[in-house]
C-alpha atoms as a PDB file:
ATOM      1  CA  UNK A   1     118.326 133.062 130.591  1.00  0.00           C
ATOM      2  CA  UNK A   2     117.417 132.374 134.118  1.00  0.00           C
ATOM      3  CA  UNK A   3     115.801 129.187 132.937  1.00  0.00           C
ATOM      4  CA  UNK A   4     118.842 127.945 131.080  1.00  0.00           C
ATOM      5  CA  UNK A   5     120.973 128.685 134.358  1.00  0.00           C
ATOM      6  CA  UNK A   6     118.587 126.639 136.679  1.00  0.00           C
ATOM      7  CA  UNK A   7     118.348 123.956 134.002  1.00  0.00           C
ATOM      8  CA  UNK A   8     122.289 123.474 134.045  1.00  0.00           C
ATOM      9  CA  UNK A   9     122.492 123.667 137.609  1.00  0.00           C
ATOM     10  CA  UNK A  10     119.688 120.988 137.668  1.00  0.00           C
ATOM     11  CA  UNK A  11     121.701 118.848 135.147  1.00  0.00           C
ATOM     12  CA  UNK A  12     124.803 119.302 137.378  1.00  0.00           C
ATOM     13  CA  UNK A  13     123.066 117.933 140.307  1.00  0.00           C
ATOM     14  CA  UNK A  14     121.780 114.858 138.240  1.00  0.00           C
ATOM     15  CA  UNK A  15     125.446 114.251 137.290  1.00  0.00           C
ATOM     16  CA  UNK A  16     126.728 114.510 140.949  1.00  0.00           C
ATOM     17  CA  UNK A  17     123.918 112.182 141.956  1.00  0.00           C
ATOM     18  CA  UNK A  18     124.857 109.772 139.384  1.00  0.00           C
ATOM     19  CA  UNK A  19     128.508 109.889 140.415  1.00  0.00           C
ATOM     20  CA  UNK A  20     127.637 109.572 144.189  1.00  0.00           C
ATOM     21  CA  UNK A  21     125.350 106.632 143.403  1.00  0.00           C
ATOM     22  CA  UNK A  22     128.272 104.868 141.400  1.00  0.00           C
ATOM     23  CA  UNK A  23     130.619 105.250 144.279  1.00  0.00           C
ATOM     24  CA  UNK A  24     127.898 104.129 146.798  1.00  0.00           C
ATOM     25  CA  UNK A  25     127.472 100.916 144.760  1.00  0.00           C
ATOM     26  CA  UNK A  26     131.139 100.328 144.911  1.00  0.00           C
ATOM     27  CA  UNK A  27     131.374 100.737 148.571  1.00  0.00           C
ATOM     28  CA  UNK A  28     128.416  98.715 149.236  1.00  0.00           C
ATOM     29  CA  UNK A  29     130.173  95.776 147.446  1.00  0.00           C
ATOM     30  CA  UNK A  30     133.204  96.319 149.340  1.00  0.00           C
ATOM     31  CA  UNK A  31     130.894  96.170 152.477  1.00  0.00           C
ATOM     32  CA  UNK A  32     129.562  92.965 151.497  1.00  0.00           C
ATOM     33  CA  UNK A  33     132.878  91.390 150.703  1.00  0.00           C
ATOM     34  CA  UNK A  34     133.927  92.718 154.322  1.00  0.00           C
ATOM     35  CA  UNK A  35     130.919  90.869 155.691  1.00  0.00           C
ATOM     36  CA  UNK A  36     131.897  87.867 154.060  1.00  0.00           C
ATOM     37  CA  UNK A  37     135.387  87.875 155.755  1.00  0.00           C
ATOM     38  CA  UNK A  38     133.672  88.610 158.912  1.00  0.00           C
ATOM     39  CA  UNK A  39     131.355  85.734 158.554  1.00  0.00           C
ATOM     40  CA  UNK A  40     134.072  83.369 157.416  1.00  0.00           C
ATOM     41  CA  UNK A  41     136.478  84.476 160.270  1.00  0.00           C
ATOM     42  CA  UNK A  42     133.410  84.105 162.866  1.00  0.00           C
ATOM     43  CA  UNK A  43     132.557  80.601 161.560  1.00  0.00           C
ATOM     44  CA  UNK A  44     136.082  79.327 161.737  1.00  0.00           C
ATOM     45  CA  UNK A  45     136.755  80.703 165.073  1.00  0.00           C
ATOM     46  CA  UNK A  46     133.579  79.215 166.238  1.00  0.00           C
ATOM     47  CA  UNK A  47     134.607  75.817 165.096  1.00  0.00           C
ATOM     48  CA  UNK A  48     138.084  75.980 167.223  1.00  0.00           C
ATOM     49  CA  UNK A  49     137.835  75.079 170.932  1.00  0.00           C
ATOM     50  CA  UNK A  50     139.350  77.667 173.258  1.00  0.00           C
ATOM     51  CA  UNK A  51     142.232  76.833 175.576  1.00  0.00           C
ATOM     52  CA  UNK A  52     140.065  77.920 178.813  1.00  0.00           C
ATOM     53  CA  UNK A  53     137.282  75.468 177.994  1.00  0.00           C
ATOM     54  CA  UNK A  54     134.764  78.211 178.714  1.00  0.00           C
ATOM     55  CA  UNK A  55     131.546  79.129 176.759  1.00  0.00           C
ATOM     56  CA  UNK A  56     130.859  82.848 175.872  1.00  0.00           C
ATOM     57  CA  UNK A  57     128.383  83.018 178.553  1.00  0.00           C
ATOM     58  CA  UNK A  58     130.792  81.642 181.312  1.00  0.00           C
ATOM     59  CA  UNK A  59     133.627  84.022 180.078  1.00  0.00           C
ATOM     60  CA  UNK A  60     131.566  87.242 179.892  1.00  0.00           C
ATOM     61  CA  UNK A  61     130.399  86.392 183.443  1.00  0.00           C
ATOM     62  CA  UNK A  62     133.828  85.935 184.510  1.00  0.00           C
ATOM     63  CA  UNK A  63     134.949  89.268 183.045  1.00  0.00           C
ATOM     64  CA  UNK A  64     132.016  91.205 184.484  1.00  0.00           C
ATOM     65  CA  UNK A  65     132.297  89.800 187.984  1.00  0.00           C
ATOM     66  CA  UNK A  66     136.064  90.390 187.850  1.00  0.00           C
ATOM     67  CA  UNK A  67     135.657  93.836 186.868  1.00  0.00           C
ATOM     68  CA  UNK A  68     132.922  94.855 189.399  1.00  0.00           C
ATOM     69  CA  UNK A  69     129.941  94.473 187.134  1.00  0.00           C
ATOM     70  CA  UNK A  70     128.037  91.787 189.043  1.00  0.00           C
ATOM     71  CA  UNK A  71     124.704  93.646 188.290  1.00  0.00           C
ATOM     72  CA  UNK A  72     125.191  93.322 184.429  1.00  0.00           C
ATOM     73  CA  UNK A  73     123.436  90.131 183.311  1.00  0.00           C
ATOM     74  CA  UNK A  74     124.279  87.745 180.389  1.00  0.00           C
ATOM     75  CA  UNK A  75     121.411  86.428 178.223  1.00  0.00           C
ATOM     76  CA  UNK A  76     120.756  84.782 175.107  1.00  0.00           C
ATOM     77  CA  UNK A  77     119.543  86.812 172.272  1.00  0.00           C
ATOM     78  CA  UNK A  78     115.917  86.423 171.195  1.00  0.00           C
ATOM     79  CA  UNK A  79     114.912  85.984 167.542  1.00  0.00           C
ATOM     80  CA  UNK A  80     114.056  89.647 167.334  1.00  0.00           C
ATOM     81  CA  UNK A  81     117.386  90.890 169.067  1.00  0.00           C
ATOM     82  CA  UNK A  82     119.321  88.420 167.003  1.00  0.00           C
ATOM     83  CA  UNK A  83     117.850  89.823 163.811  1.00  0.00           C
ATOM     84  CA  UNK A  84     118.059  93.490 164.651  1.00  0.00           C
ATOM     85  CA  UNK A  85     121.439  93.639 166.725  1.00  0.00           C
ATOM     86  CA  UNK A  86     123.088  90.418 166.994  1.00  0.00           C
ATOM     87  CA  UNK A  87     125.591  89.911 169.869  1.00  0.00           C
ATOM     88  CA  UNK A  88     125.189  93.423 171.552  1.00  0.00           C
ATOM     89  CA  UNK A  89     125.078  95.035 174.905  1.00  0.00           C
ATOM     90  CA  UNK A  90     122.117  96.853 175.933  1.00  0.00           C
ATOM     91  CA  UNK A  91     122.467 100.008 178.043  1.00  0.00           C
ATOM     92  CA  UNK A  92     118.624 100.043 179.001  1.00  0.00           C
ATOM     93  CA  UNK A  93     118.549  96.494 180.147  1.00  0.00           C
ATOM     94  CA  UNK A  94     122.213  96.579 181.436  1.00  0.00           C
ATOM     95  CA  UNK A  95     122.802  93.221 179.723  1.00  0.00           C
ATOM     96  CA  UNK A  96     125.107  91.463 177.497  1.00  0.00           C
ATOM     97  CA  UNK A  97     123.022  89.621 174.740  1.00  0.00           C
ATOM     98  CA  UNK A  98     124.956  86.568 173.038  1.00  0.00           C
ATOM     99  CA  UNK A  99     123.640  84.669 170.001  1.00  0.00           C
ATOM    100  CA  UNK A 100     122.749  81.049 170.459  1.00  0.00           C
ATOM    101  CA  UNK A 101     126.140  79.730 168.854  1.00  0.00           C
ATOM    102  CA  UNK A 102     128.018  82.241 170.830  1.00  0.00           C
ATOM    103  CA  UNK A 103     126.584  82.001 174.564  1.00  0.00           C
ATOM    104  CA  UNK A 104     126.791  78.141 174.730  1.00  0.00           C
ATOM    105  CA  UNK A 105     130.067  77.550 172.699  1.00  0.00           C
ATOM    106  CA  UNK A 106     133.296  76.949 174.194  1.00  0.00           C
ATOM    107  CA  UNK A 107     135.093  78.403 170.987  1.00  0.00           C
ATOM    108  CA  UNK A 108     137.548  81.105 170.213  1.00  0.00           C
ATOM    109  CA  UNK A 109     135.010  83.188 168.672  1.00  0.00           C
ATOM    110  CA  UNK A 110     132.700  82.956 171.431  1.00  0.00           C
ATOM    111  CA  UNK A 111     135.174  84.214 174.119  1.00  0.00           C
ATOM    112  CA  UNK A 112     136.357  86.986 171.804  1.00  0.00           C
ATOM    113  CA  UNK A 113     132.658  88.216 171.233  1.00  0.00           C
ATOM    114  CA  UNK A 114     132.042  87.907 174.839  1.00  0.00           C
ATOM    115  CA  UNK A 115     135.007  89.867 175.742  1.00  0.00           C
ATOM    116  CA  UNK A 116     134.263  92.684 173.415  1.00  0.00           C
ATOM    117  CA  UNK A 117     130.443  92.949 174.724  1.00  0.00           C
ATOM    118  CA  UNK A 118     131.746  93.019 178.304  1.00  0.00           C
ATOM    119  CA  UNK A 119     134.167  95.688 177.379  1.00  0.00           C
ATOM    120  CA  UNK A 120     131.056  97.783 176.090  1.00  0.00           C
ATOM    121  CA  UNK A 121     129.374  97.068 179.661  1.00  0.00           C
ATOM    122  CA  UNK A 122     132.604  98.570 181.312  1.00  0.00           C
ATOM    123  CA  UNK A 123     132.592 101.718 179.039  1.00  0.00           C
ATOM    124  CA  UNK A 124     128.903 102.301 180.047  1.00  0.00           C
ATOM    125  CA  UNK A 125     129.920 101.570 183.752  1.00  0.00           C
ATOM    126  CA  UNK A 126     132.491 104.325 183.407  1.00  0.00           C
ATOM    127  CA  UNK A 127     130.477 106.681 181.703  1.00  0.00           C
ATOM    128  CA  UNK A 128     131.849 106.834 178.351  1.00  0.00           C
ATOM    129  CA  UNK A 129     129.808 109.543 176.478  1.00  0.00           C
ATOM    130  CA  UNK A 130     130.144 108.149 172.957  1.00  0.00           C
ATOM    131  CA  UNK A 131     128.987 104.752 173.926  1.00  0.00           C
ATOM    132  CA  UNK A 132     125.985 106.049 175.993  1.00  0.00           C
ATOM    133  CA  UNK A 133     124.931 108.148 173.063  1.00  0.00           C
ATOM    134  CA  UNK A 134     125.423 105.388 170.552  1.00  0.00           C
ATOM    135  CA  UNK A 135     123.477 102.914 172.928  1.00  0.00           C
ATOM    136  CA  UNK A 136     120.588 105.357 173.354  1.00  0.00           C
ATOM    137  CA  UNK A 137     120.301 106.056 169.559  1.00  0.00           C
ATOM    138  CA  UNK A 138     120.871 102.540 168.453  1.00  0.00           C
ATOM    139  CA  UNK A 139     117.233 101.972 167.523  1.00  0.00           C
ATOM    140  CA  UNK A 140     117.261 105.114 165.138  1.00  0.00           C
ATOM    141  CA  UNK A 141     120.147 103.637 163.442  1.00  0.00           C
ATOM    142  CA  UNK A 142     118.224 100.542 162.313  1.00  0.00           C
ATOM    143  CA  UNK A 143     114.794 102.133 161.695  1.00  0.00           C
ATOM    144  CA  UNK A 144     115.348 105.971 160.881  1.00  0.00           C
ATOM    145  CA  UNK A 145     116.441 105.596 157.213  1.00  0.00           C
ATOM    146  CA  UNK A 146     113.230 103.578 156.462  1.00  0.00           C
ATOM    147  CA  UNK A 147     110.898 106.164 157.957  1.00  0.00           C
ATOM    148  CA  UNK A 148     111.921 108.895 155.730  1.00  0.00           C
ATOM    149  CA  UNK A 149     109.697 107.964 152.753  1.00  0.00           C
ATOM    150  CA  UNK A 150     106.559 106.871 154.859  1.00  0.00           C
ATOM    151  CA  UNK A 151     106.588 110.200 156.512  1.00  0.00           C
ATOM    152  CA  UNK A 152     106.895 112.290 153.335  1.00  0.00           C
ATOM    153  CA  UNK A 153     104.090 110.160 151.659  1.00  0.00           C
ATOM    154  CA  UNK A 154     101.927 110.994 154.902  1.00  0.00           C
ATOM    155  CA  UNK A 155     102.747 114.593 154.665  1.00  0.00           C
ATOM    156  CA  UNK A 156     101.995 114.876 151.176  1.00  0.00           C
ATOM    157  CA  UNK A 157      98.665 113.057 151.504  1.00  0.00           C
ATOM    158  CA  UNK A 158      97.548 115.454 154.282  1.00  0.00           C
ATOM    159  CA  UNK A 159      98.614 118.483 152.403  1.00  0.00           C
ATOM    160  CA  UNK A 160      96.691 117.454 149.246  1.00  0.00           C
ATOM    161  CA  UNK A 161      93.545 116.245 150.723  1.00  0.00           C
ATOM    162  CA  UNK A 162      93.181 118.548 153.807  1.00  0.00           C
ATOM    163  CA  UNK A 163      94.959 121.612 154.134  1.00  0.00           C
ATOM    164  CA  UNK A 164      96.094 122.145 150.421  1.00  0.00           C
ATOM    165  CA  UNK A 165      99.546 123.627 151.420  1.00  0.00           C
ATOM    166  CA  UNK A 166     102.977 122.328 151.786  1.00  0.00           C
ATOM    167  CA  UNK A 167     103.117 122.571 155.587  1.00  0.00           C
ATOM    168  CA  UNK A 168     102.936 118.862 156.688  1.00  0.00           C
ATOM    169  CA  UNK A 169     105.288 117.959 153.686  1.00  0.00           C
ATOM    170  CA  UNK A 170     107.803 120.435 154.858  1.00  0.00           C
ATOM    171  CA  UNK A 171     107.575 119.095 158.572  1.00  0.00           C
ATOM    172  CA  UNK A 172     107.692 115.444 157.368  1.00  0.00           C
ATOM    173  CA  UNK A 173     111.082 116.218 155.431  1.00  0.00           C
ATOM    174  CA  UNK A 174     112.580 117.942 158.480  1.00  0.00           C
ATOM    175  CA  UNK A 175     111.479 115.111 160.791  1.00  0.00           C
ATOM    176  CA  UNK A 176     112.833 112.681 158.292  1.00  0.00           C
ATOM    177  CA  UNK A 177     116.052 114.517 157.820  1.00  0.00           C
ATOM    178  CA  UNK A 178     116.446 114.421 161.731  1.00  0.00           C
ATOM    179  CA  UNK A 179     116.152 110.649 161.685  1.00  0.00           C
ATOM    180  CA  UNK A 180     118.548 110.258 159.171  1.00  0.00           C
ATOM    181  CA  UNK A 181     121.025 112.362 160.944  1.00  0.00           C
ATOM    182  CA  UNK A 182     120.589 110.267 164.202  1.00  0.00           C
ATOM    183  CA  UNK A 183     121.206 107.303 162.143  1.00  0.00           C
ATOM    184  CA  UNK A 184     124.470 108.794 160.767  1.00  0.00           C
ATOM    185  CA  UNK A 185     125.480 109.720 164.362  1.00  0.00           C
ATOM    186  CA  UNK A 186     125.082 106.043 165.274  1.00  0.00           C
ATOM    187  CA  UNK A 187     127.074 104.851 162.357  1.00  0.00           C
ATOM    188  CA  UNK A 188     129.715 107.421 163.037  1.00  0.00           C
ATOM    189  CA  UNK A 189     130.129 106.633 166.768  1.00  0.00           C
ATOM    190  CA  UNK A 190     130.217 102.764 166.010  1.00  0.00           C
ATOM    191  CA  UNK A 191     133.928 103.357 164.956  1.00  0.00           C
ATOM    192  CA  UNK A 192     135.406 104.724 168.131  1.00  0.00           C
ATOM    193  CA  UNK A 193     133.163 102.946 170.521  1.00  0.00           C
ATOM    194  CA  UNK A 194     133.677  99.529 169.031  1.00  0.00           C
ATOM    195  CA  UNK A 195     137.572 100.233 168.361  1.00  0.00           C
ATOM    196  CA  UNK A 196     137.968 101.089 172.306  1.00  0.00           C
ATOM    197  CA  UNK A 197     135.869  98.157 173.213  1.00  0.00           C
ATOM    198  CA  UNK A 198     137.999  95.697 171.068  1.00  0.00           C
ATOM    199  CA  UNK A 199     141.269  97.240 172.550  1.00  0.00           C
ATOM    200  CA  UNK A 200     139.958  96.576 176.168  1.00  0.00           C
ATOM    201  CA  UNK A 201     138.620  92.991 175.176  1.00  0.00           C
ATOM    202  CA  UNK A 202     142.195  92.344 173.659  1.00  0.00           C
ATOM    203  CA  UNK A 203     143.778  93.061 177.001  1.00  0.00           C
ATOM    204  CA  UNK A 204     141.715  90.655 178.628  1.00  0.00           C
ATOM    205  CA  UNK A 205     142.036  87.845 176.009  1.00  0.00           C
ATOM    206  CA  UNK A 206     145.959  88.444 175.876  1.00  0.00           C
ATOM    207  CA  UNK A 207     146.128  87.478 179.319  1.00  0.00           C
ATOM    208  CA  UNK A 208     143.772  84.365 179.057  1.00  0.00           C
ATOM    209  CA  UNK A 209     144.338  82.799 175.779  1.00  0.00           C
ATOM    210  CA  UNK A 210     147.227  81.624 173.748  1.00  0.00           C
ATOM    211  CA  UNK A 211     149.163  83.738 171.013  1.00  0.00           C
ATOM    212  CA  UNK A 212     147.631  81.604 168.275  1.00  0.00           C
ATOM    213  CA  UNK A 213     144.319  82.169 169.488  1.00  0.00           C
ATOM    214  CA  UNK A 214     144.824  86.017 169.884  1.00  0.00           C
ATOM    215  CA  UNK A 215     146.135  86.206 166.246  1.00  0.00           C
ATOM    216  CA  UNK A 216     142.894  84.597 165.062  1.00  0.00           C
ATOM    217  CA  UNK A 217     140.871  86.935 167.146  1.00  0.00           C
ATOM    218  CA  UNK A 218     142.788  89.942 166.010  1.00  0.00           C
ATOM    219  CA  UNK A 219     141.771  89.077 162.406  1.00  0.00           C
ATOM    220  CA  UNK A 220     138.001  88.808 163.296  1.00  0.00           C
ATOM    221  CA  UNK A 221     138.394  92.104 164.957  1.00  0.00           C
ATOM    222  CA  UNK A 222     140.103  93.787 162.272  1.00  0.00           C
ATOM    223  CA  UNK A 223     137.514  92.703 159.721  1.00  0.00           C
ATOM    224  CA  UNK A 224     134.770  94.043 162.044  1.00  0.00           C
ATOM    225  CA  UNK A 225     136.577  97.405 162.148  1.00  0.00           C
ATOM    226  CA  UNK A 226     136.805  97.557 158.232  1.00  0.00           C
ATOM    227  CA  UNK A 227     133.022  96.795 158.029  1.00  0.00           C
ATOM    228  CA  UNK A 228     132.334  99.698 160.568  1.00  0.00           C
ATOM    229  CA  UNK A 229     134.326 102.040 158.377  1.00  0.00           C
ATOM    230  CA  UNK A 230     132.714 101.059 155.261  1.00  0.00           C
ATOM    231  CA  UNK A 231     129.275 101.253 156.952  1.00  0.00           C
ATOM    232  CA  UNK A 232     130.169 104.996 157.748  1.00  0.00           C
ATOM    233  CA  UNK A 233     131.331 105.667 154.314  1.00  0.00           C
ATOM    234  CA  UNK A 234     127.939 104.235 153.014  1.00  0.00           C
ATOM    235  CA  UNK A 235     126.209 106.519 155.583  1.00  0.00           C
ATOM    236  CA  UNK A 236     127.970 109.727 154.314  1.00  0.00           C
ATOM    237  CA  UNK A 237     127.253 108.745 150.683  1.00  0.00           C
ATOM    238  CA  UNK A 238     123.419 108.204 151.395  1.00  0.00           C
ATOM    239  CA  UNK A 239     123.164 111.357 153.082  1.00  0.00           C
ATOM    240  CA  UNK A 240     124.699 113.213 150.191  1.00  0.00           C
ATOM    241  CA  UNK A 241     122.564 111.322 147.848  1.00  0.00           C
ATOM    242  CA  UNK A 242     119.445 112.357 149.720  1.00  0.00           C
ATOM    243  CA  UNK A 243     120.442 116.008 149.756  1.00  0.00           C
ATOM    244  CA  UNK A 244     121.218 116.020 146.062  1.00  0.00           C
ATOM    245  CA  UNK A 245     117.849 114.477 145.346  1.00  0.00           C
ATOM    246  CA  UNK A 246     116.215 117.087 147.450  1.00  0.00           C
ATOM    247  CA  UNK A 247     118.020 119.823 145.951  1.00  0.00           C
ATOM    248  CA  UNK A 248     117.234 118.629 142.341  1.00  0.00           C
ATOM    249  CA  UNK A 249     113.502 118.437 143.025  1.00  0.00           C
ATOM    250  CA  UNK A 250     113.663 121.785 144.332  1.00  0.00           C
ATOM    251  CA  UNK A 251     115.611 123.337 141.280  1.00  0.00           C
ATOM    252  CA  UNK A 252     112.804 121.552 138.942  1.00  0.00           C
END
C-alpha cells in the first residue's frame, strides 16, 4: 500500500513535470519571437540617422559628463563581452560598453542604447541596491545554470570511487542549487533595474530627440521589457522543472 502511494506521487510529479515542460516550451517560443522583434527594431533604428548627428559613444559621453560622471568610461565591447553581455554597464570597471555597431554609429538606436546604459551608470553612482546586486551577480546569471550538471557528476564520481557515500553528491546539489538561485535573482532584478534605466533614458532622449525618434525608441524599449519578463518566466519554470526532477528521483 505504501509502495502504491509513493508510486502514485511519483506519477503525479511526472505529470507535473510534463505540464511545466510544455508551458516552458511555449514561453521559450514567445521569448524567441520577442527577441526577433527586438532585433528588427534595433536594426531598423540603426539604419536611421539621429537628428543630433552624434554617435553612441559621443552621446553616452555627453550624458555622463553632464550628470557628473566624468570618471565613467565609454568603450567598445570586445568579442567576448559582445557574446556574453552585449551592450552593458560594468560596475566593476565603471565603464559603459557598447557594441561596434552602436558605439560608432550616429543612429537612433545608438543614442537610445547609449542613454540606457548611461542611466545604469547613474543608478550605480546613486547607490541603487538592486542594480548593484544585479551587476555583481551578472556572471552567475550566465554561467550558473550550466554548472549544475558538471558539479553533480563530479560529486557522484567522488562518492562512487573514493568515499562510497553520497556526501559530495549532496554538497554538489546544494552548491548547484545556490548557483541557480543566484541566476534566478539576476533574472528577477533585470525587470525593475532595466525599467528604471529606460525611464531615465527616455527623460534624456525626450529632451534631445524629435517626437518621431522617441516613438521609435519607445517601441524598442517596450520589446526589451517583454523579453525580460519572458526570461523571468522561463527562469521560474526551469527552477520548478528542476525541483520536480529532483523530487521525482528521490521518490524512486
